[in-house]
Protein backbone atom coordinates (compact mmCIF):
# COMPACT_ATOMS: atom_id res chain seq x y z
CA MET A 1 -0.11 -0.09 -0.20
CA ALA A 2 2.86 2.45 0.61
CA ASN A 3 3.79 2.27 -2.91
CA GLN A 4 0.42 3.39 -4.05
CA PRO A 5 -0.23 7.09 -4.39
CA LEU A 6 -1.70 8.94 -1.49
CA ALA A 7 -4.90 10.08 -3.71
CA PHE A 8 -5.51 6.40 -4.07
CA ARG A 9 -4.67 5.30 -0.49
CA MET A 10 -7.18 8.20 0.97
CA ARG A 11 -10.26 6.90 -0.68
CA PRO A 12 -13.01 6.97 1.30
CA LYS A 13 -14.42 3.71 3.29
CA ASN A 14 -17.88 5.21 3.00
CA ILE A 15 -20.12 8.06 1.66
CA ASP A 16 -19.61 9.71 5.17
CA GLU A 17 -16.02 10.33 4.34
CA VAL A 18 -16.50 11.46 0.77
CA ILE A 19 -15.45 14.77 0.54
CA GLY A 20 -17.76 17.67 -0.99
CA GLN A 21 -20.81 16.90 -3.37
CA GLN A 22 -23.34 17.39 -0.39
CA HIS A 23 -25.74 18.11 -3.32
CA LEU A 24 -25.76 14.31 -3.52
CA ILE A 25 -24.65 12.95 -0.38
CA GLY A 26 -25.88 15.44 2.01
CA LYS A 27 -28.77 14.69 4.47
CA GLY A 28 -31.98 14.25 2.34
CA ASN A 29 -30.20 14.39 -1.07
CA MET A 30 -30.53 11.63 -3.73
CA ILE A 31 -27.73 9.40 -3.24
CA ARG A 32 -27.59 9.50 0.52
CA ARG A 33 -31.38 8.37 0.36
CA MET A 34 -30.45 5.36 -2.07
CA VAL A 35 -28.08 4.32 0.72
CA GLU A 36 -30.09 4.82 3.49
CA ALA A 37 -33.00 2.89 1.93
CA ASN A 38 -30.82 0.00 0.59
CA ARG A 39 -32.36 0.56 -2.90
CA LEU A 40 -29.22 1.32 -5.17
CA HIS A 41 -29.78 1.74 -8.90
CA SER A 42 -27.48 1.92 -11.62
CA MET A 43 -25.84 5.51 -12.30
CA ILE A 44 -23.64 7.37 -14.16
CA LEU A 45 -21.40 10.12 -12.15
CA TYR A 46 -19.80 12.79 -14.32
CA GLY A 47 -17.67 15.87 -13.68
CA PRO A 48 -14.26 17.08 -13.74
CA PRO A 49 -10.99 15.25 -12.97
CA GLY A 50 -10.37 14.68 -9.18
CA THR A 51 -14.01 15.36 -8.06
CA GLY A 52 -14.23 12.07 -6.51
CA LYS A 53 -16.58 10.07 -8.63
CA THR A 54 -14.97 6.68 -8.23
CA SER A 55 -14.33 7.64 -4.85
CA MET A 56 -17.99 8.10 -4.29
CA ALA A 57 -18.75 4.87 -6.04
CA ILE A 58 -16.65 2.77 -3.81
CA GLY A 59 -17.97 4.80 -0.66
CA ILE A 60 -21.40 3.58 -1.86
CA ALA A 61 -20.41 0.26 -2.46
CA ASN A 62 -18.96 -0.18 1.03
CA SER A 63 -21.73 1.96 2.93
CA LEU A 64 -24.10 -0.76 1.59
CA GLY A 65 -21.65 -3.70 2.28
CA LEU A 66 -21.70 -4.68 -1.35
CA ARG A 67 -18.96 -6.36 -3.17
CA PHE A 68 -17.68 -4.09 -6.21
CA LYS A 69 -15.14 -4.62 -9.28
CA LEU A 70 -13.27 -1.75 -10.59
CA LEU A 71 -12.97 -1.78 -14.20
CA ASN A 72 -12.29 0.63 -17.12
CA ALA A 73 -14.18 0.66 -20.45
CA ALA A 74 -11.25 1.74 -22.30
CA ILE A 75 -8.95 -0.84 -21.06
CA ASP A 76 -10.53 -3.73 -19.96
CA LYS A 77 -11.96 -6.18 -22.44
CA LYS A 78 -15.21 -8.17 -22.64
CA LYS A 79 -13.72 -10.92 -21.09
CA ASP A 80 -13.10 -8.93 -17.85
CA MET A 81 -17.05 -7.94 -17.76
CA GLU A 82 -17.84 -11.79 -18.39
CA ILE A 83 -15.61 -12.61 -15.38
CA ALA A 84 -17.57 -9.83 -13.48
CA VAL A 85 -20.84 -11.21 -14.43
CA GLU A 86 -19.91 -14.84 -13.33
CA GLU A 87 -18.84 -13.39 -9.88
CA ALA A 88 -22.13 -11.66 -9.66
CA LYS A 89 -23.92 -14.86 -10.38
CA MET A 90 -22.01 -16.87 -7.78
CA SER A 91 -22.38 -14.36 -5.02
CA GLY A 92 -25.19 -12.26 -5.64
CA GLN A 93 -25.42 -8.44 -6.61
CA LEU A 94 -22.15 -6.89 -7.52
CA ILE A 95 -21.50 -3.21 -8.23
CA VAL A 96 -19.11 -2.73 -11.36
CA VAL A 97 -17.57 0.51 -11.05
CA LEU A 98 -16.71 1.55 -14.55
CA ASP A 99 -14.34 4.30 -15.19
CA GLU A 100 -14.57 6.20 -18.60
CA VAL A 101 -17.96 4.75 -19.31
CA HIS A 102 -18.41 7.03 -22.32
CA ARG A 103 -15.51 4.77 -23.83
CA LEU A 104 -17.88 1.77 -23.86
CA ASP A 105 -17.87 0.03 -27.24
CA LYS A 106 -20.87 -1.71 -28.66
CA ALA A 107 -19.96 -5.15 -27.99
CA LYS A 108 -19.03 -4.38 -24.04
CA GLN A 109 -22.23 -2.48 -23.98
CA ASP A 110 -24.91 -5.46 -25.56
CA PHE A 111 -23.27 -7.63 -23.19
CA LEU A 112 -23.64 -5.57 -19.82
CA LEU A 113 -27.21 -4.47 -20.84
CA PRO A 114 -29.14 -7.31 -19.75
CA HIS A 115 -27.31 -7.93 -16.60
CA VAL A 116 -27.93 -4.04 -15.86
CA GLU A 117 -31.50 -4.53 -16.78
CA SER A 118 -31.92 -7.66 -14.41
CA ASN A 119 -29.91 -5.71 -11.47
CA LEU A 120 -27.62 -8.55 -11.29
CA ILE A 121 -25.09 -5.88 -11.76
CA THR A 122 -25.52 -2.32 -10.66
CA LEU A 123 -23.54 -0.16 -13.10
CA ILE A 124 -21.82 2.87 -11.44
CA GLY A 125 -20.43 4.52 -14.55
CA CYS A 126 -17.75 7.49 -14.19
CA THR A 127 -17.01 9.82 -16.63
CA THR A 128 -15.30 13.58 -17.29
CA ALA A 129 -17.75 13.61 -20.52
CA ASN A 130 -21.00 14.95 -20.58
CA PRO A 131 -23.29 11.82 -20.60
CA TYR A 132 -26.18 13.60 -22.65
CA HIS A 133 -23.58 13.89 -25.50
CA SER A 134 -21.18 11.23 -25.13
CA ILE A 135 -23.02 8.20 -23.71
CA ASN A 136 -25.13 5.75 -25.80
CA PRO A 137 -28.75 6.38 -24.97
CA ALA A 138 -29.18 2.62 -24.19
CA ILE A 139 -26.84 2.94 -20.96
CA ARG A 140 -28.18 6.27 -20.38
CA SER A 141 -31.93 5.47 -20.10
CA ARG A 142 -30.78 2.69 -17.73
CA SER A 143 -28.99 4.81 -15.13
CA HIS A 144 -29.65 7.76 -13.14
CA ILE A 145 -27.47 10.80 -14.00
CA PHE A 146 -25.79 12.77 -11.45
CA GLU A 147 -23.04 15.84 -11.71
CA LEU A 148 -20.13 16.14 -9.43
CA PHE A 149 -18.71 19.90 -9.13
CA ARG A 150 -15.07 20.94 -8.63
CA LEU A 151 -14.14 21.03 -4.92
CA GLU A 152 -14.11 23.99 -3.10
CA PRO A 153 -10.51 25.08 -1.33
CA SER A 154 -12.11 24.55 1.93
CA ASP A 155 -12.92 20.82 0.95
CA ILE A 156 -9.62 20.23 -0.40
CA ILE A 157 -8.05 21.51 2.86
CA GLU A 158 -10.06 19.17 4.82
CA ALA A 159 -8.99 16.27 2.77
CA MET A 160 -5.15 17.32 3.13
CA ASP A 161 -5.53 17.42 6.96
CA ARG A 162 -7.00 14.04 6.70
CA ALA A 163 -3.90 12.99 4.99
CA ILE A 164 -1.48 14.92 7.03
CA THR A 165 -2.93 12.92 10.15
CA ASP A 166 -3.68 9.50 8.94
CA THR A 167 -1.20 7.17 10.46
CA ASP A 168 -2.52 4.32 8.42
CA LYS A 169 -3.06 5.15 4.86
CA GLY A 170 -1.83 8.99 5.01
CA LEU A 171 1.34 10.60 5.79
CA GLY A 172 0.87 10.60 9.66
CA GLN A 173 3.98 8.67 10.09
CA LEU A 174 6.09 11.29 8.74
CA PRO A 175 7.16 14.59 11.07
CA LEU A 176 5.08 16.98 8.68
CA VAL A 177 4.56 20.26 9.43
CA VAL A 178 2.45 22.21 6.39
CA GLU A 179 1.99 25.67 7.06
CA GLN A 180 -1.40 27.21 6.33
CA GLU A 181 -0.14 29.56 3.31
CA ALA A 182 1.02 26.24 1.70
CA LYS A 183 -2.18 24.39 2.18
CA GLU A 184 -4.16 27.25 0.83
CA HIS A 185 -1.75 27.34 -2.35
CA PHE A 186 -2.36 23.48 -2.82
CA ALA A 187 -6.23 24.29 -2.42
CA ASN A 188 -6.15 26.89 -4.78
CA ALA A 189 -3.80 26.08 -7.35
CA CYS A 190 -5.19 22.53 -7.92
CA ASN A 191 -8.55 24.10 -9.54
CA GLY A 192 -10.97 21.63 -7.68
CA ASP A 193 -8.99 18.82 -8.26
CA LEU A 194 -8.52 16.65 -5.10
CA ARG A 195 -6.09 14.21 -6.75
CA ALA A 196 -3.79 17.03 -8.03
CA ALA A 197 -3.50 18.76 -4.49
CA LEU A 198 -3.10 15.33 -2.99
CA ASN A 199 -0.46 14.38 -5.33
CA GLY A 200 1.32 17.78 -4.79
CA LEU A 201 1.12 17.34 -0.98
CA GLU A 202 2.81 13.96 -1.40
CA LEU A 203 5.67 15.10 -3.87
CA ALA A 204 6.49 17.87 -1.13
CA ALA A 205 6.10 15.63 1.63
CA TYR A 206 9.04 13.15 0.32
CA SER A 207 11.09 15.53 -1.44
CA THR A 208 11.46 18.30 1.52
CA PRO A 209 14.77 17.70 3.40
CA ARG A 210 14.17 17.36 7.10
CA VAL A 211 15.25 20.18 9.25
CA ASP A 212 15.56 19.68 12.97
CA ASP A 213 13.70 16.11 12.33
CA LYS A 214 10.79 18.06 10.81
CA ILE A 215 9.61 18.40 7.26
CA VAL A 216 8.23 21.77 6.92
CA ILE A 217 6.33 22.46 3.75
CA ASP A 218 6.17 26.35 3.28
CA LEU A 219 4.51 28.40 0.34
CA ALA A 220 7.70 28.22 -1.76
CA ASN A 221 7.53 24.21 -1.59
CA ALA A 222 4.12 24.13 -2.30
CA GLU A 223 4.63 26.51 -5.55
CA ALA A 224 7.22 24.13 -6.49
CA CYS A 225 5.10 21.19 -6.50
CA MET A 226 2.14 22.52 -8.02
CA GLN A 227 3.57 23.53 -11.02
CA LYS A 228 0.99 23.98 -14.00
CA LYS A 229 -1.67 22.47 -11.65
CA SER A 230 -3.20 25.90 -11.10
CA PHE A 231 -4.88 25.63 -14.41
CA SER A 232 -6.63 22.24 -15.92
CA HIS A 233 -8.08 22.55 -19.15
CA ASP A 234 -8.99 19.78 -21.92
CA LYS A 235 -9.50 21.28 -25.52
CA GLY A 236 -11.57 18.34 -26.45
CA GLY A 237 -13.90 18.27 -23.43
CA ASP A 238 -17.17 19.80 -22.33
CA ALA A 239 -15.08 22.10 -19.94
CA HIS A 240 -13.49 23.51 -23.02
CA TYR A 241 -17.22 24.28 -24.35
CA ASP A 242 -18.29 25.79 -20.97
CA VAL A 243 -15.38 28.15 -21.18
CA LEU A 244 -16.05 29.22 -24.66
CA SER A 245 -19.64 29.72 -23.71
CA ALA A 246 -18.97 31.71 -20.80
CA PHE A 247 -16.26 33.83 -22.89
CA GLN A 248 -19.08 34.70 -25.39
CA LYS A 249 -21.76 35.55 -22.95
CA SER A 250 -19.39 37.80 -20.95
CA ILE A 251 -18.61 39.86 -24.44
CA ARG A 252 -22.20 39.73 -25.22
CA GLY A 253 -23.07 41.04 -21.25
CA SER A 254 -20.28 43.81 -21.40
CA ASP A 255 -18.34 42.45 -18.57
CA VAL A 256 -14.86 43.39 -19.56
CA ASP A 257 -13.15 41.36 -16.56
CA ALA A 258 -15.14 38.17 -16.71
CA ALA A 259 -14.76 37.97 -20.76
CA LEU A 260 -10.80 38.72 -20.00
CA HIS A 261 -10.52 35.99 -17.60
CA TYR A 262 -11.89 33.37 -20.06
CA LEU A 263 -9.88 34.92 -22.93
CA GLY A 264 -6.61 34.15 -20.34
CA ARG A 265 -7.99 30.20 -19.84
CA LEU A 266 -8.24 29.91 -23.51
CA ILE A 267 -5.00 31.36 -24.11
CA GLU A 268 -3.59 29.01 -21.26
CA ALA A 269 -5.16 26.34 -23.59
CA GLY A 270 -3.31 27.65 -26.66
CA ASP A 271 -6.71 27.76 -28.48
CA LEU A 272 -6.23 30.69 -30.79
CA GLU A 273 -8.69 29.21 -33.49
CA SER A 274 -11.53 29.02 -30.81
CA ILE A 275 -10.71 32.47 -29.68
CA ALA A 276 -10.86 33.78 -33.27
CA ARG A 277 -13.97 32.41 -34.07
CA ARG A 278 -15.92 33.53 -31.08
CA MET A 279 -14.53 37.11 -31.26
CA LEU A 280 -15.90 37.38 -34.77
CA VAL A 281 -19.29 35.84 -34.16
CA CYS A 282 -19.67 38.17 -31.27
CA ALA A 283 -18.73 41.23 -33.35
CA TYR A 284 -21.47 40.56 -35.79
CA GLU A 285 -24.01 38.58 -33.65
CA ASP A 286 -23.80 40.55 -30.43
CA ILE A 287 -22.59 44.16 -31.52
CA GLY A 288 -23.75 44.37 -35.20
CA LEU A 289 -25.22 47.60 -36.44
CA ALA A 290 -24.40 49.15 -32.95
CA ASN A 291 -20.75 49.33 -33.85
CA PRO A 292 -20.38 47.96 -37.36
CA GLN A 293 -16.50 48.71 -37.24
CA ALA A 294 -16.07 46.07 -34.61
CA GLY A 295 -16.09 43.52 -37.00
CA SER A 296 -13.32 44.59 -39.12
CA ARG A 297 -11.12 45.78 -36.18
CA ALA A 298 -11.95 42.15 -34.57
CA LEU A 299 -10.68 40.32 -37.58
CA ALA A 300 -7.54 42.69 -37.75
CA ALA A 301 -6.85 41.80 -33.95
CA VAL A 302 -7.33 38.04 -35.00
CA GLU A 303 -5.00 38.33 -38.23
CA THR A 304 -2.30 40.00 -36.11
CA ALA A 305 -2.41 37.51 -33.39
CA GLU A 306 -2.08 34.61 -35.72
CA ARG A 307 0.70 36.24 -37.36
CA ILE A 308 2.96 37.10 -34.35
CA GLY A 309 2.01 33.99 -32.18
CA PHE A 310 1.71 33.54 -28.45
CA PRO A 311 2.81 35.14 -25.90
CA GLU A 312 2.56 38.33 -27.96
CA ALA A 313 -0.83 37.35 -29.53
CA ARG A 314 -2.60 38.04 -26.36
CA ILE A 315 -1.88 42.08 -26.87
CA PRO A 316 -3.92 42.60 -29.83
CA LEU A 317 -6.57 40.04 -28.44
CA SER A 318 -7.02 41.68 -25.09
CA VAL A 319 -7.46 45.34 -27.00
CA ALA A 320 -10.32 43.62 -29.22
CA ILE A 321 -12.00 42.04 -26.32
CA VAL A 322 -12.19 45.36 -24.52
CA GLU A 323 -13.80 47.07 -27.17
CA LEU A 324 -16.20 44.21 -27.93
CA CYS A 325 -17.48 44.23 -24.29
CA LEU A 326 -17.58 47.92 -24.15
CA SER A 327 -19.32 48.61 -27.47
CA PRO A 328 -23.08 48.98 -27.43
CA LYS A 329 -24.77 45.59 -28.27
CA SER A 330 -27.46 45.05 -31.32
CA ASN A 331 -28.91 42.04 -32.49
CA THR A 332 -31.17 43.44 -34.87
CA ALA A 333 -29.84 42.79 -38.12
CA TYR A 334 -29.53 38.87 -37.93
CA THR A 335 -32.94 38.72 -35.86
CA ALA A 336 -34.45 40.67 -38.84
CA LEU A 337 -33.02 37.68 -41.45
CA ASP A 338 -34.18 35.07 -38.88
CA ALA A 339 -37.63 36.37 -38.85
CA ALA A 340 -37.57 36.54 -42.86
CA LEU A 341 -36.20 33.04 -43.05
CA MET A 342 -39.01 31.59 -40.71
CA ASP A 343 -41.54 33.10 -43.03
CA ILE A 344 -39.93 31.52 -45.81
CA ARG A 345 -39.29 27.97 -44.38
CA SER A 346 -43.21 28.02 -43.36
CA GLY A 347 -44.43 29.28 -46.65
CA ASN A 348 -45.32 32.38 -45.80
CA THR A 349 -43.78 34.14 -49.02
CA GLY A 350 -46.36 35.25 -51.71
CA GLU A 351 -45.74 36.41 -55.31
CA ILE A 352 -43.09 38.80 -56.22
CA PRO A 353 -44.63 42.01 -57.42
CA ALA A 354 -44.93 42.05 -61.05
CA HIS A 355 -43.16 45.21 -61.34
CA LEU A 356 -40.08 43.83 -59.82
CA LYS A 357 -39.85 40.84 -61.88
CA ASP A 358 -36.88 40.60 -64.54
CA ALA A 359 -37.69 42.28 -67.80
CA HIS A 360 -34.73 41.57 -69.74
CA TYR A 361 -36.25 39.60 -72.58
CA LYS A 362 -38.29 40.14 -75.39
CA GLY A 363 -42.12 39.67 -74.64
CA ALA A 364 -41.55 40.49 -70.66
CA SER A 365 -43.74 43.73 -70.99
CA ALA A 366 -46.62 41.76 -72.59
CA LEU A 367 -46.61 39.43 -69.41
CA GLY A 368 -46.42 42.58 -67.05
CA ARG A 369 -42.98 41.98 -65.92
CA GLY A 370 -41.26 45.03 -64.89
CA VAL A 371 -44.16 47.55 -65.83
CA ASP A 372 -44.54 50.62 -63.93
CA TYR A 373 -41.07 49.82 -62.15
CA LYS A 374 -39.88 53.08 -60.58
CA TYR A 375 -36.02 53.83 -60.74
CA PRO A 376 -34.78 55.35 -57.57
CA HIS A 377 -32.22 57.06 -58.71
CA ALA A 378 -34.57 59.07 -61.12
CA TYR A 379 -35.90 60.61 -58.27
CA ASP A 380 -34.60 63.46 -55.64
CA GLY A 381 -32.66 61.66 -52.72
CA GLY A 382 -32.49 58.48 -54.80
CA TRP A 383 -35.65 57.21 -53.27
CA VAL A 384 -39.35 56.59 -54.33
CA LYS A 385 -42.33 55.08 -52.71
CA GLN A 386 -43.31 51.54 -54.13
CA GLN A 387 -43.95 48.43 -52.96
CA TYR A 388 -41.11 45.66 -52.78
CA LEU A 389 -42.91 42.84 -50.64
CA PRO A 390 -45.21 40.57 -52.14
CA ASP A 391 -48.82 41.23 -51.74
CA LYS A 392 -49.48 38.77 -48.71
CA ILE A 393 -46.93 40.19 -46.39
CA LYS A 394 -46.56 43.58 -47.71
CA HIS A 395 -47.30 45.11 -44.39
CA LYS A 396 -44.46 42.72 -42.83
CA GLN A 397 -41.89 44.14 -40.57
CA TYR A 398 -38.80 42.37 -39.74
CA TYR A 399 -36.19 44.92 -38.94
CA HIS A 400 -36.70 46.69 -35.48
CA PRO A 401 -34.09 48.94 -34.97
CA LYS A 402 -32.65 49.77 -31.48
CA ASP A 403 -31.37 53.01 -29.97
CA THR A 404 -28.17 51.81 -29.68
CA GLY A 405 -24.60 53.16 -30.74
CA LYS A 406 -24.74 56.17 -33.30
CA PHE A 407 -24.62 54.27 -36.31
CA GLU A 408 -27.94 52.24 -35.65
CA LYS A 409 -29.53 55.11 -34.07
CA ASN A 410 -28.93 57.16 -37.44
CA LEU A 411 -30.16 54.01 -39.12
CA GLN A 412 -33.36 53.80 -36.99
CA GLN A 413 -33.91 57.64 -38.10
CA ILE A 414 -33.66 56.71 -41.58
CA TYR A 415 -35.71 53.78 -41.42
CA GLN A 416 -38.75 55.62 -39.39
CA LYS A 417 -38.58 58.44 -42.24
CA LEU A 418 -39.05 55.84 -45.08
CA LYS A 419 -41.78 53.81 -43.36
CA LYS A 420 -43.79 57.10 -42.84
């Protein structure tokens, strides 16, 4: 056991030892109620790395006094699952804790489903991927789905204190003194990942020299042992899309500080392509006619960033983000188009007025094509009143200007004048 990582050794014996996730295991909440009623159902636990998914699954099994088997959908073969089923047949109900359940292939799934259905096996799947996106509906429909959240720094410190004092599974046999500043750094730098915090603590405990027969872990030691742990971002995972969503919504909501924060996360992930796409979308979707120049300036910033690369790329990006955030906002142009598209797709169109139809062929006038068309440039101001929409929808108004920036305010005045 001494050779096993501290995070593995400190896994909870029961759900009372599970750190955090009180929305699931707190008094009166769903998993606690399942355990207290001794009525366990198959479930999927999903959330970021290090939030205790596997630990919770083991704690549930131990709390109910049920046998469990740890398997991994990506690594273990169908044969391993057949062995688990045979064990369940011989000894009664068995909990299969299946890590990376989103990687379950069809053959393994087809084998497990009937045994999950009959409750010979209770499946507890663990995954960092959103099950609504990544897990086959056949498994999903037979399981309760519970989301685990990143742990708070206070939860991380609680877990570290347990590990520091535990003489059996933890570091209690070492003359360890962990300064409060160091604990707080571990707790904050791990970004809610308890495994990362315990790994950092263990590294510090065994790599820090003894002085006066004490191992003192100060802030400097903690910082050295938590390098690169302060940010965890998987470019292909659900968390990445959450950051992108928060980034765009912060720009739309004109919150400069939040937008720069999420921009920083995306820069740390090295994802210039996604940054560029979201910035350009925001410039036209959220700012639009309120500040039409924002689009061309955002594009210029993106092209500059692509040309110079990181770390300097952050400079033009930051300039553009501040402008996008503080620009007036208007979505009137594309919502007007969407309203027109909705009419078109629902068949609410009508016949094009005859005077607008193509008249560039012999005999067109005999069909009434182009007759009575008024050429705007032949009139003062380059405008003349005439009908352009089909009769069926001739009073339709798609564009509803907003009184936002100077540019759209001018458009609003022109639009209202023309409508009169």
